[in-house]
Amino acid sequence: MTIPLIIDTDPGVDDAFALALAARSPEVDLLGVTTVFGNVSIEHTTRNAQRLLALLGSDAPVARGAARAISSPQHDARHVHGDDGLSGMALTLPANDRIDPRDAVEFLRDTIDSSAEPVTIAAIGPLTNIARLLETHAGRIGRLVVMGGGIEGGNVTSAAEFNIWSDAEAAHRVLAEGPVLVPIDLTRRCAVDGAWLESLTGVVGRTLAGLTPRYREFYLEANGIDGILVHDAVAVAEAVRPGMLGTRRRMLGVDTSEGVGRGALVSGGFGVEVAEEVDVEGLRGFLLERLSG
């Protein structure tokens, strides 16, 4: 039996790898992709999702979601992913103008309610769409896998990780659901190097590698590493193969103050399964096999 899956995303280079993993995994039935602001504007993230699905030969629908956070200013990560989110290469991907007429929250609600099996949601961008869904929907969601947060610190401030920081109020609401949380503490351990990227084969693998130059350059400048972090693909790997990541239950919340700690994970009242363990080489091998050929 396949796992019904929806990906909520803000593509983004690592999101591109995550979408490819889902589309190329027989364990899942990719029911759709919902988009959110984040790495770049909602216009770019939606277009990028459409074009990536065309590359992957997937007919999964795309539904456009939130253009900004619930209450905080909009930010982006163009300096990391490039102005178009894909190292300036978005328009080299196949064109695809198909868009679901529903907004992301309506699409999520309708798809979950019409599914014979509980639907897994992999949320790999800011959590605005998911928080709005939870405010209005009492239906059954299967697993909720979230890429975000840092237990020992952040990547956009010293305390906060980008996805959580981008909409701290939304993230606080989502943690109340007790998701599986895949933080940067773990995803940083799963970085892939230049040799790994260059070993990707096939049209999809080579195209994905071709989307990485700006992203790769950023990490070389920032950390002195020749490679990239595939944060979102790590989270989607757990959605595709539950149990690939070892988790520990922690009681957490999100700092929603206007202070320097905004967006940080803090001790709180929500029981969250935090991914802390992974067979790094096994994960890299899994991604390489699925994304090549």
Protein backbone atom coordinates (compact mmCIF):
# COMPACT_ATOMS: atom_id res chain seq x y z
CA MET A 1 0.00 0.00 0.00
CA THR A 2 1.36 3.41 -0.96
CA ILE A 3 1.45 6.42 1.35
CA PRO A 4 -0.78 9.31 0.21
CA LEU A 5 1.47 12.38 0.37
CA ILE A 6 1.17 16.14 -0.09
CA ILE A 7 4.26 18.33 -0.05
CA ASP A 8 3.96 21.94 1.15
CA THR A 9 7.02 23.73 -0.18
CA ASP A 10 8.85 26.91 -1.21
CA PRO A 11 11.22 25.73 -3.99
CA GLY A 12 14.29 26.39 -3.42
CA VAL A 13 17.15 24.14 -4.47
CA ASP A 14 16.89 21.62 -1.65
CA ASP A 15 13.10 21.59 -2.16
CA ALA A 16 13.77 20.55 -5.77
CA PHE A 17 15.69 17.51 -4.53
CA ALA A 18 12.86 16.75 -2.08
CA LEU A 19 10.17 16.95 -4.77
CA ALA A 20 12.20 14.69 -7.03
CA LEU A 21 12.59 12.15 -4.24
CA ALA A 22 8.84 12.04 -3.66
CA ALA A 23 7.96 11.83 -7.35
CA ARG A 24 10.48 9.02 -7.90
CA SER A 25 9.52 6.91 -4.86
CA PRO A 26 7.07 4.05 -5.47
CA GLU A 27 6.25 3.98 -1.76
CA VAL A 28 4.16 7.14 -2.09
CA ASP A 29 1.26 8.48 -4.09
CA LEU A 30 2.04 12.17 -4.57
CA LEU A 31 -1.44 13.70 -4.35
CA GLY A 32 -0.33 17.28 -4.83
CA VAL A 33 2.04 20.11 -4.05
CA THR A 34 1.07 23.27 -2.23
CA THR A 35 3.29 26.33 -2.38
CA VAL A 36 4.20 28.99 0.14
CA PHE A 37 6.42 32.08 0.20
CA GLY A 38 9.85 31.48 1.64
CA ASN A 39 13.09 31.02 -0.25
CA VAL A 40 11.66 33.35 -2.90
CA SER A 41 8.28 34.97 -3.56
CA ILE A 42 5.10 32.95 -3.97
CA GLU A 43 5.13 33.69 -7.70
CA HIS A 44 8.55 32.09 -8.03
CA THR A 45 7.91 29.17 -5.68
CA THR A 46 4.69 28.29 -7.49
CA ARG A 47 6.29 28.48 -10.92
CA ASN A 48 9.26 26.46 -9.69
CA ALA A 49 6.99 23.72 -8.34
CA GLN A 50 5.11 23.56 -11.65
CA ARG A 51 8.28 23.32 -13.72
CA LEU A 52 9.92 20.78 -11.43
CA LEU A 53 6.89 18.50 -11.65
CA ALA A 54 7.02 18.79 -15.45
CA LEU A 55 10.68 17.75 -15.36
CA LEU A 56 9.74 14.78 -13.19
CA GLY A 57 6.89 13.71 -15.44
CA SER A 58 4.43 14.06 -12.56
CA ASP A 59 0.82 15.12 -13.05
CA ALA A 60 0.40 16.00 -9.36
CA PRO A 61 -1.58 19.24 -9.07
CA VAL A 62 -0.03 22.44 -7.73
CA ALA A 63 -2.07 24.78 -5.51
CA ARG A 64 -0.79 28.24 -4.68
CA GLY A 65 -0.70 29.19 -1.02
CA ALA A 66 0.29 32.00 1.31
CA ALA A 67 2.25 34.95 -0.06
CA ARG A 68 3.28 36.17 3.38
CA ALA A 69 3.39 35.22 7.04
CA ILE A 70 0.43 35.49 9.37
CA SER A 71 1.76 38.55 11.18
CA SER A 72 5.44 39.18 10.44
CA PRO A 73 7.17 40.85 7.48
CA GLN A 74 8.04 38.74 4.47
CA HIS A 75 11.64 37.62 4.11
CA ASP A 76 13.37 35.46 1.53
CA ALA A 77 16.61 33.58 0.91
CA ARG A 78 17.51 34.77 -2.58
CA HIS A 79 21.11 35.25 -1.47
CA VAL A 80 21.25 31.48 -0.87
CA HIS A 81 19.11 30.05 -3.69
CA GLY A 82 19.42 32.76 -6.34
CA ASP A 83 16.88 35.38 -7.39
CA ASP A 84 14.56 32.80 -8.96
CA GLY A 85 15.10 30.20 -6.23
CA LEU A 86 16.94 27.77 -8.53
CA SER A 87 20.34 29.39 -9.13
CA GLY A 88 18.93 31.39 -12.06
CA MET A 89 18.06 28.17 -13.90
CA ALA A 90 14.29 27.97 -13.32
CA LEU A 91 13.34 28.90 -16.87
CA THR A 92 15.51 26.11 -18.27
CA LEU A 93 13.05 23.59 -16.81
CA PRO A 94 10.06 22.41 -18.89
CA ALA A 95 7.15 24.85 -18.98
CA ASN A 96 4.02 23.92 -17.05
CA ASP A 97 1.08 26.30 -16.61
CA ARG A 98 -1.25 23.84 -14.91
CA ILE A 99 -2.50 25.18 -11.57
CA ASP A 100 -5.30 23.98 -9.33
CA PRO A 101 -8.00 26.67 -9.02
CA ARG A 102 -8.23 26.18 -5.26
CA ASP A 103 -5.91 27.89 -2.84
CA ALA A 104 -3.53 25.70 -0.88
CA VAL A 105 -5.63 25.43 2.27
CA GLU A 106 -8.79 24.51 0.35
CA PHE A 107 -6.82 22.00 -1.72
CA LEU A 108 -5.32 20.44 1.41
CA ARG A 109 -8.69 20.20 3.13
CA ASP A 110 -10.49 18.71 0.13
CA THR A 111 -7.74 16.23 -0.64
CA ILE A 112 -7.44 15.01 2.93
CA ASP A 113 -11.21 14.63 3.26
CA SER A 114 -11.56 12.70 0.00
CA SER A 115 -8.69 10.29 0.64
CA ALA A 116 -9.53 6.74 1.63
CA GLU A 117 -6.35 6.66 3.73
CA PRO A 118 -4.87 9.24 6.11
CA VAL A 119 -2.68 11.66 4.17
CA THR A 120 0.91 12.41 5.14
CA ILE A 121 1.95 16.06 4.83
CA ALA A 122 5.61 16.94 4.39
CA ALA A 123 5.93 20.63 5.21
CA ILE A 124 9.32 21.85 4.02
CA GLY A 125 8.84 25.62 3.93
CA PRO A 126 7.37 28.26 6.25
CA LEU A 127 4.32 26.78 7.99
CA THR A 128 1.69 29.40 7.13
CA ASN A 129 -0.48 27.11 4.97
CA ILE A 130 -0.38 24.29 7.49
CA ALA A 131 -1.30 26.54 10.41
CA ARG A 132 -4.26 27.92 8.48
CA LEU A 133 -5.37 24.40 7.60
CA LEU A 134 -5.25 23.34 11.24
CA GLU A 135 -7.34 26.36 12.25
CA THR A 136 -10.19 25.33 9.95
CA HIS A 137 -9.95 21.57 9.54
CA ALA A 138 -10.81 18.80 11.97
CA GLY A 139 -10.37 15.95 9.50
CA ARG A 140 -7.80 13.23 9.78
CA ILE A 141 -4.24 13.99 8.84
CA GLY A 142 -1.87 11.05 8.86
CA ARG A 143 1.72 11.94 9.68
CA LEU A 144 2.92 15.52 9.66
CA VAL A 145 6.65 15.74 8.89
CA VAL A 146 8.15 19.23 9.25
CA MET A 147 11.59 20.38 8.15
CA GLY A 148 12.56 23.18 10.45
CA GLY A 149 14.05 24.45 13.66
CA GLY A 150 17.37 24.11 15.36
CA ILE A 151 17.81 22.60 18.81
CA GLU A 152 21.29 24.04 19.26
CA GLY A 153 20.81 27.24 17.28
CA GLY A 154 19.71 28.62 13.96
CA ASN A 155 20.87 29.42 10.45
CA VAL A 156 19.18 32.78 9.87
CA THR A 157 19.85 34.16 13.36
CA SER A 158 21.96 32.64 16.10
CA ALA A 159 18.77 31.21 17.58
CA ALA A 160 16.34 30.60 14.71
CA GLU A 161 16.13 28.42 11.61
CA PHE A 162 14.69 29.96 8.44
CA ASN A 163 11.40 28.03 8.04
CA ILE A 164 10.34 28.53 11.66
CA TRP A 165 11.57 32.13 11.82
CA SER A 166 9.70 33.05 8.61
CA ASP A 167 6.35 32.56 10.38
CA ALA A 168 6.92 31.94 14.06
CA GLU A 169 3.23 32.17 14.98
CA ALA A 170 2.32 29.55 12.39
CA ALA A 171 5.14 27.28 13.54
CA HIS A 172 4.00 27.51 17.16
CA ARG A 173 0.50 26.44 16.09
CA VAL A 174 1.81 23.52 14.04
CA LEU A 175 3.99 22.18 16.86
CA ALA A 176 0.80 21.75 18.88
CA GLU A 177 -0.07 18.87 16.52
CA GLY A 178 2.97 16.88 17.63
CA PRO A 179 4.70 16.54 14.25
CA VAL A 180 7.89 14.75 13.38
CA LEU A 181 10.35 17.65 13.33
CA VAL A 182 13.51 17.34 11.23
CA PRO A 183 15.84 20.10 12.49
CA ILE A 184 19.01 21.51 11.01
CA ASP A 185 21.03 19.81 13.75
CA LEU A 186 20.39 16.56 11.86
CA THR A 187 20.17 17.82 8.26
CA ARG A 188 23.58 19.48 8.53
CA ARG A 189 25.07 16.05 9.18
CA CYS A 190 23.59 14.85 5.87
CA ALA A 191 25.37 17.34 3.58
CA VAL A 192 26.43 16.02 0.19
CA ASP A 193 29.69 17.06 -1.42
CA GLY A 194 30.61 18.09 -4.91
CA ALA A 195 31.63 14.57 -5.88
CA TRP A 196 28.21 13.27 -4.81
CA LEU A 197 26.46 15.91 -6.91
CA GLU A 198 28.62 15.12 -9.90
CA SER A 199 27.80 11.42 -9.56
CA LEU A 200 24.08 12.02 -10.17
CA THR A 201 23.10 10.44 -13.47
CA GLY A 202 20.18 10.52 -15.89
CA VAL A 203 18.19 13.52 -17.05
CA VAL A 204 16.68 14.22 -13.63
CA GLY A 205 19.89 13.73 -11.68
CA ARG A 206 21.96 15.89 -13.99
CA THR A 207 19.27 18.58 -14.08
CA LEU A 208 19.08 18.69 -10.30
CA ALA A 209 22.85 19.03 -10.09
CA GLY A 210 22.59 21.84 -12.65
CA LEU A 211 20.29 23.80 -10.32
CA THR A 212 22.90 23.99 -7.55
CA PRO A 213 25.63 26.47 -8.62
CA ARG A 214 24.45 29.47 -6.55
CA TYR A 215 23.49 27.25 -3.62
CA ARG A 216 26.85 25.47 -3.79
CA GLU A 217 28.69 28.79 -4.05
CA PHE A 218 26.88 30.07 -0.95
CA TYR A 219 28.02 27.14 1.18
CA LEU A 220 31.56 27.40 -0.15
CA GLU A 221 31.67 31.08 0.79
CA ALA A 222 29.88 30.68 4.13
CA ASN A 223 31.35 27.42 5.42
CA GLY A 224 34.26 26.54 3.17
CA ILE A 225 32.57 23.31 2.06
CA ASP A 226 32.23 22.20 -1.55
CA GLY A 227 28.74 20.77 -1.46
CA ILE A 228 25.20 21.54 -0.38
CA LEU A 229 22.77 20.86 2.43
CA VAL A 230 19.73 18.88 1.29
CA HIS A 231 17.61 19.81 4.31
CA ASP A 232 14.21 19.21 2.72
CA ALA A 233 15.12 15.95 1.04
CA VAL A 234 16.05 14.53 4.47
CA ALA A 235 12.55 15.32 5.76
CA VAL A 236 10.87 13.88 2.67
CA ALA A 237 12.98 10.73 3.04
CA GLU A 238 11.31 10.24 6.43
CA ALA A 239 7.88 10.80 4.88
CA VAL A 240 8.65 8.26 2.16
CA ARG A 241 10.16 5.69 4.52
CA PRO A 242 8.86 6.18 8.06
CA GLY A 243 11.51 5.27 10.59
CA MET A 244 14.48 6.19 8.40
CA LEU A 245 15.25 8.84 11.01
CA GLY A 246 15.44 8.03 14.69
CA THR A 247 13.38 10.40 16.83
CA ARG A 248 13.23 11.51 20.45
CA ARG A 249 10.18 13.08 22.06
CA ARG A 250 10.80 16.61 23.31
CA MET A 251 8.49 19.22 24.83
CA LEU A 252 8.84 22.30 22.66
CA GLY A 253 7.33 25.58 21.57
CA VAL A 254 8.39 28.52 19.41
CA ASP A 255 9.51 31.95 20.60
CA THR A 256 6.95 34.35 19.08
CA SER A 257 8.29 37.45 20.80
CA GLU A 258 9.69 40.41 18.91
CA GLY A 259 13.07 39.94 20.58
CA VAL A 260 16.34 38.45 19.37
CA GLY A 261 15.08 34.94 20.06
CA ARG A 262 12.10 35.17 17.70
CA GLY A 263 11.59 31.95 15.78
CA ALA A 264 13.76 29.84 18.07
CA LEU A 265 12.66 26.49 19.39
CA VAL A 266 12.17 26.74 23.15
CA SER A 267 11.03 24.46 25.94
CA GLY A 268 7.25 24.35 25.83
CA GLY A 269 4.06 22.39 26.19
CA PHE A 270 3.94 20.50 22.89
CA GLY A 271 5.20 16.95 22.54
CA VAL A 272 7.22 16.80 19.32
CA GLU A 273 9.08 13.84 17.80
CA VAL A 274 12.46 15.37 16.97
CA ALA A 275 14.63 13.54 14.44
CA GLU A 276 18.06 13.05 15.99
CA GLU A 277 19.56 9.89 14.48
CA VAL A 278 20.27 8.82 10.91
CA ASP A 279 22.53 6.47 9.00
CA VAL A 280 24.17 9.27 7.03
CA GLU A 281 25.81 7.11 4.38
CA GLY A 282 22.66 5.04 4.02
CA LEU A 283 20.60 8.20 3.48
CA ARG A 284 23.04 9.58 0.92
CA GLY A 285 22.96 6.28 -0.93
CA PHE A 286 19.16 6.24 -0.88
CA LEU A 287 18.98 9.75 -2.33
CA LEU A 288 21.59 9.00 -4.97
CA GLU A 289 19.76 5.89 -6.13
CA ARG A 290 16.36 7.58 -6.26
CA LEU A 291 17.52 10.79 -7.95
CA SER A 292 19.71 9.15 -10.60
CA GLY A 293 18.78 7.15 -13.66
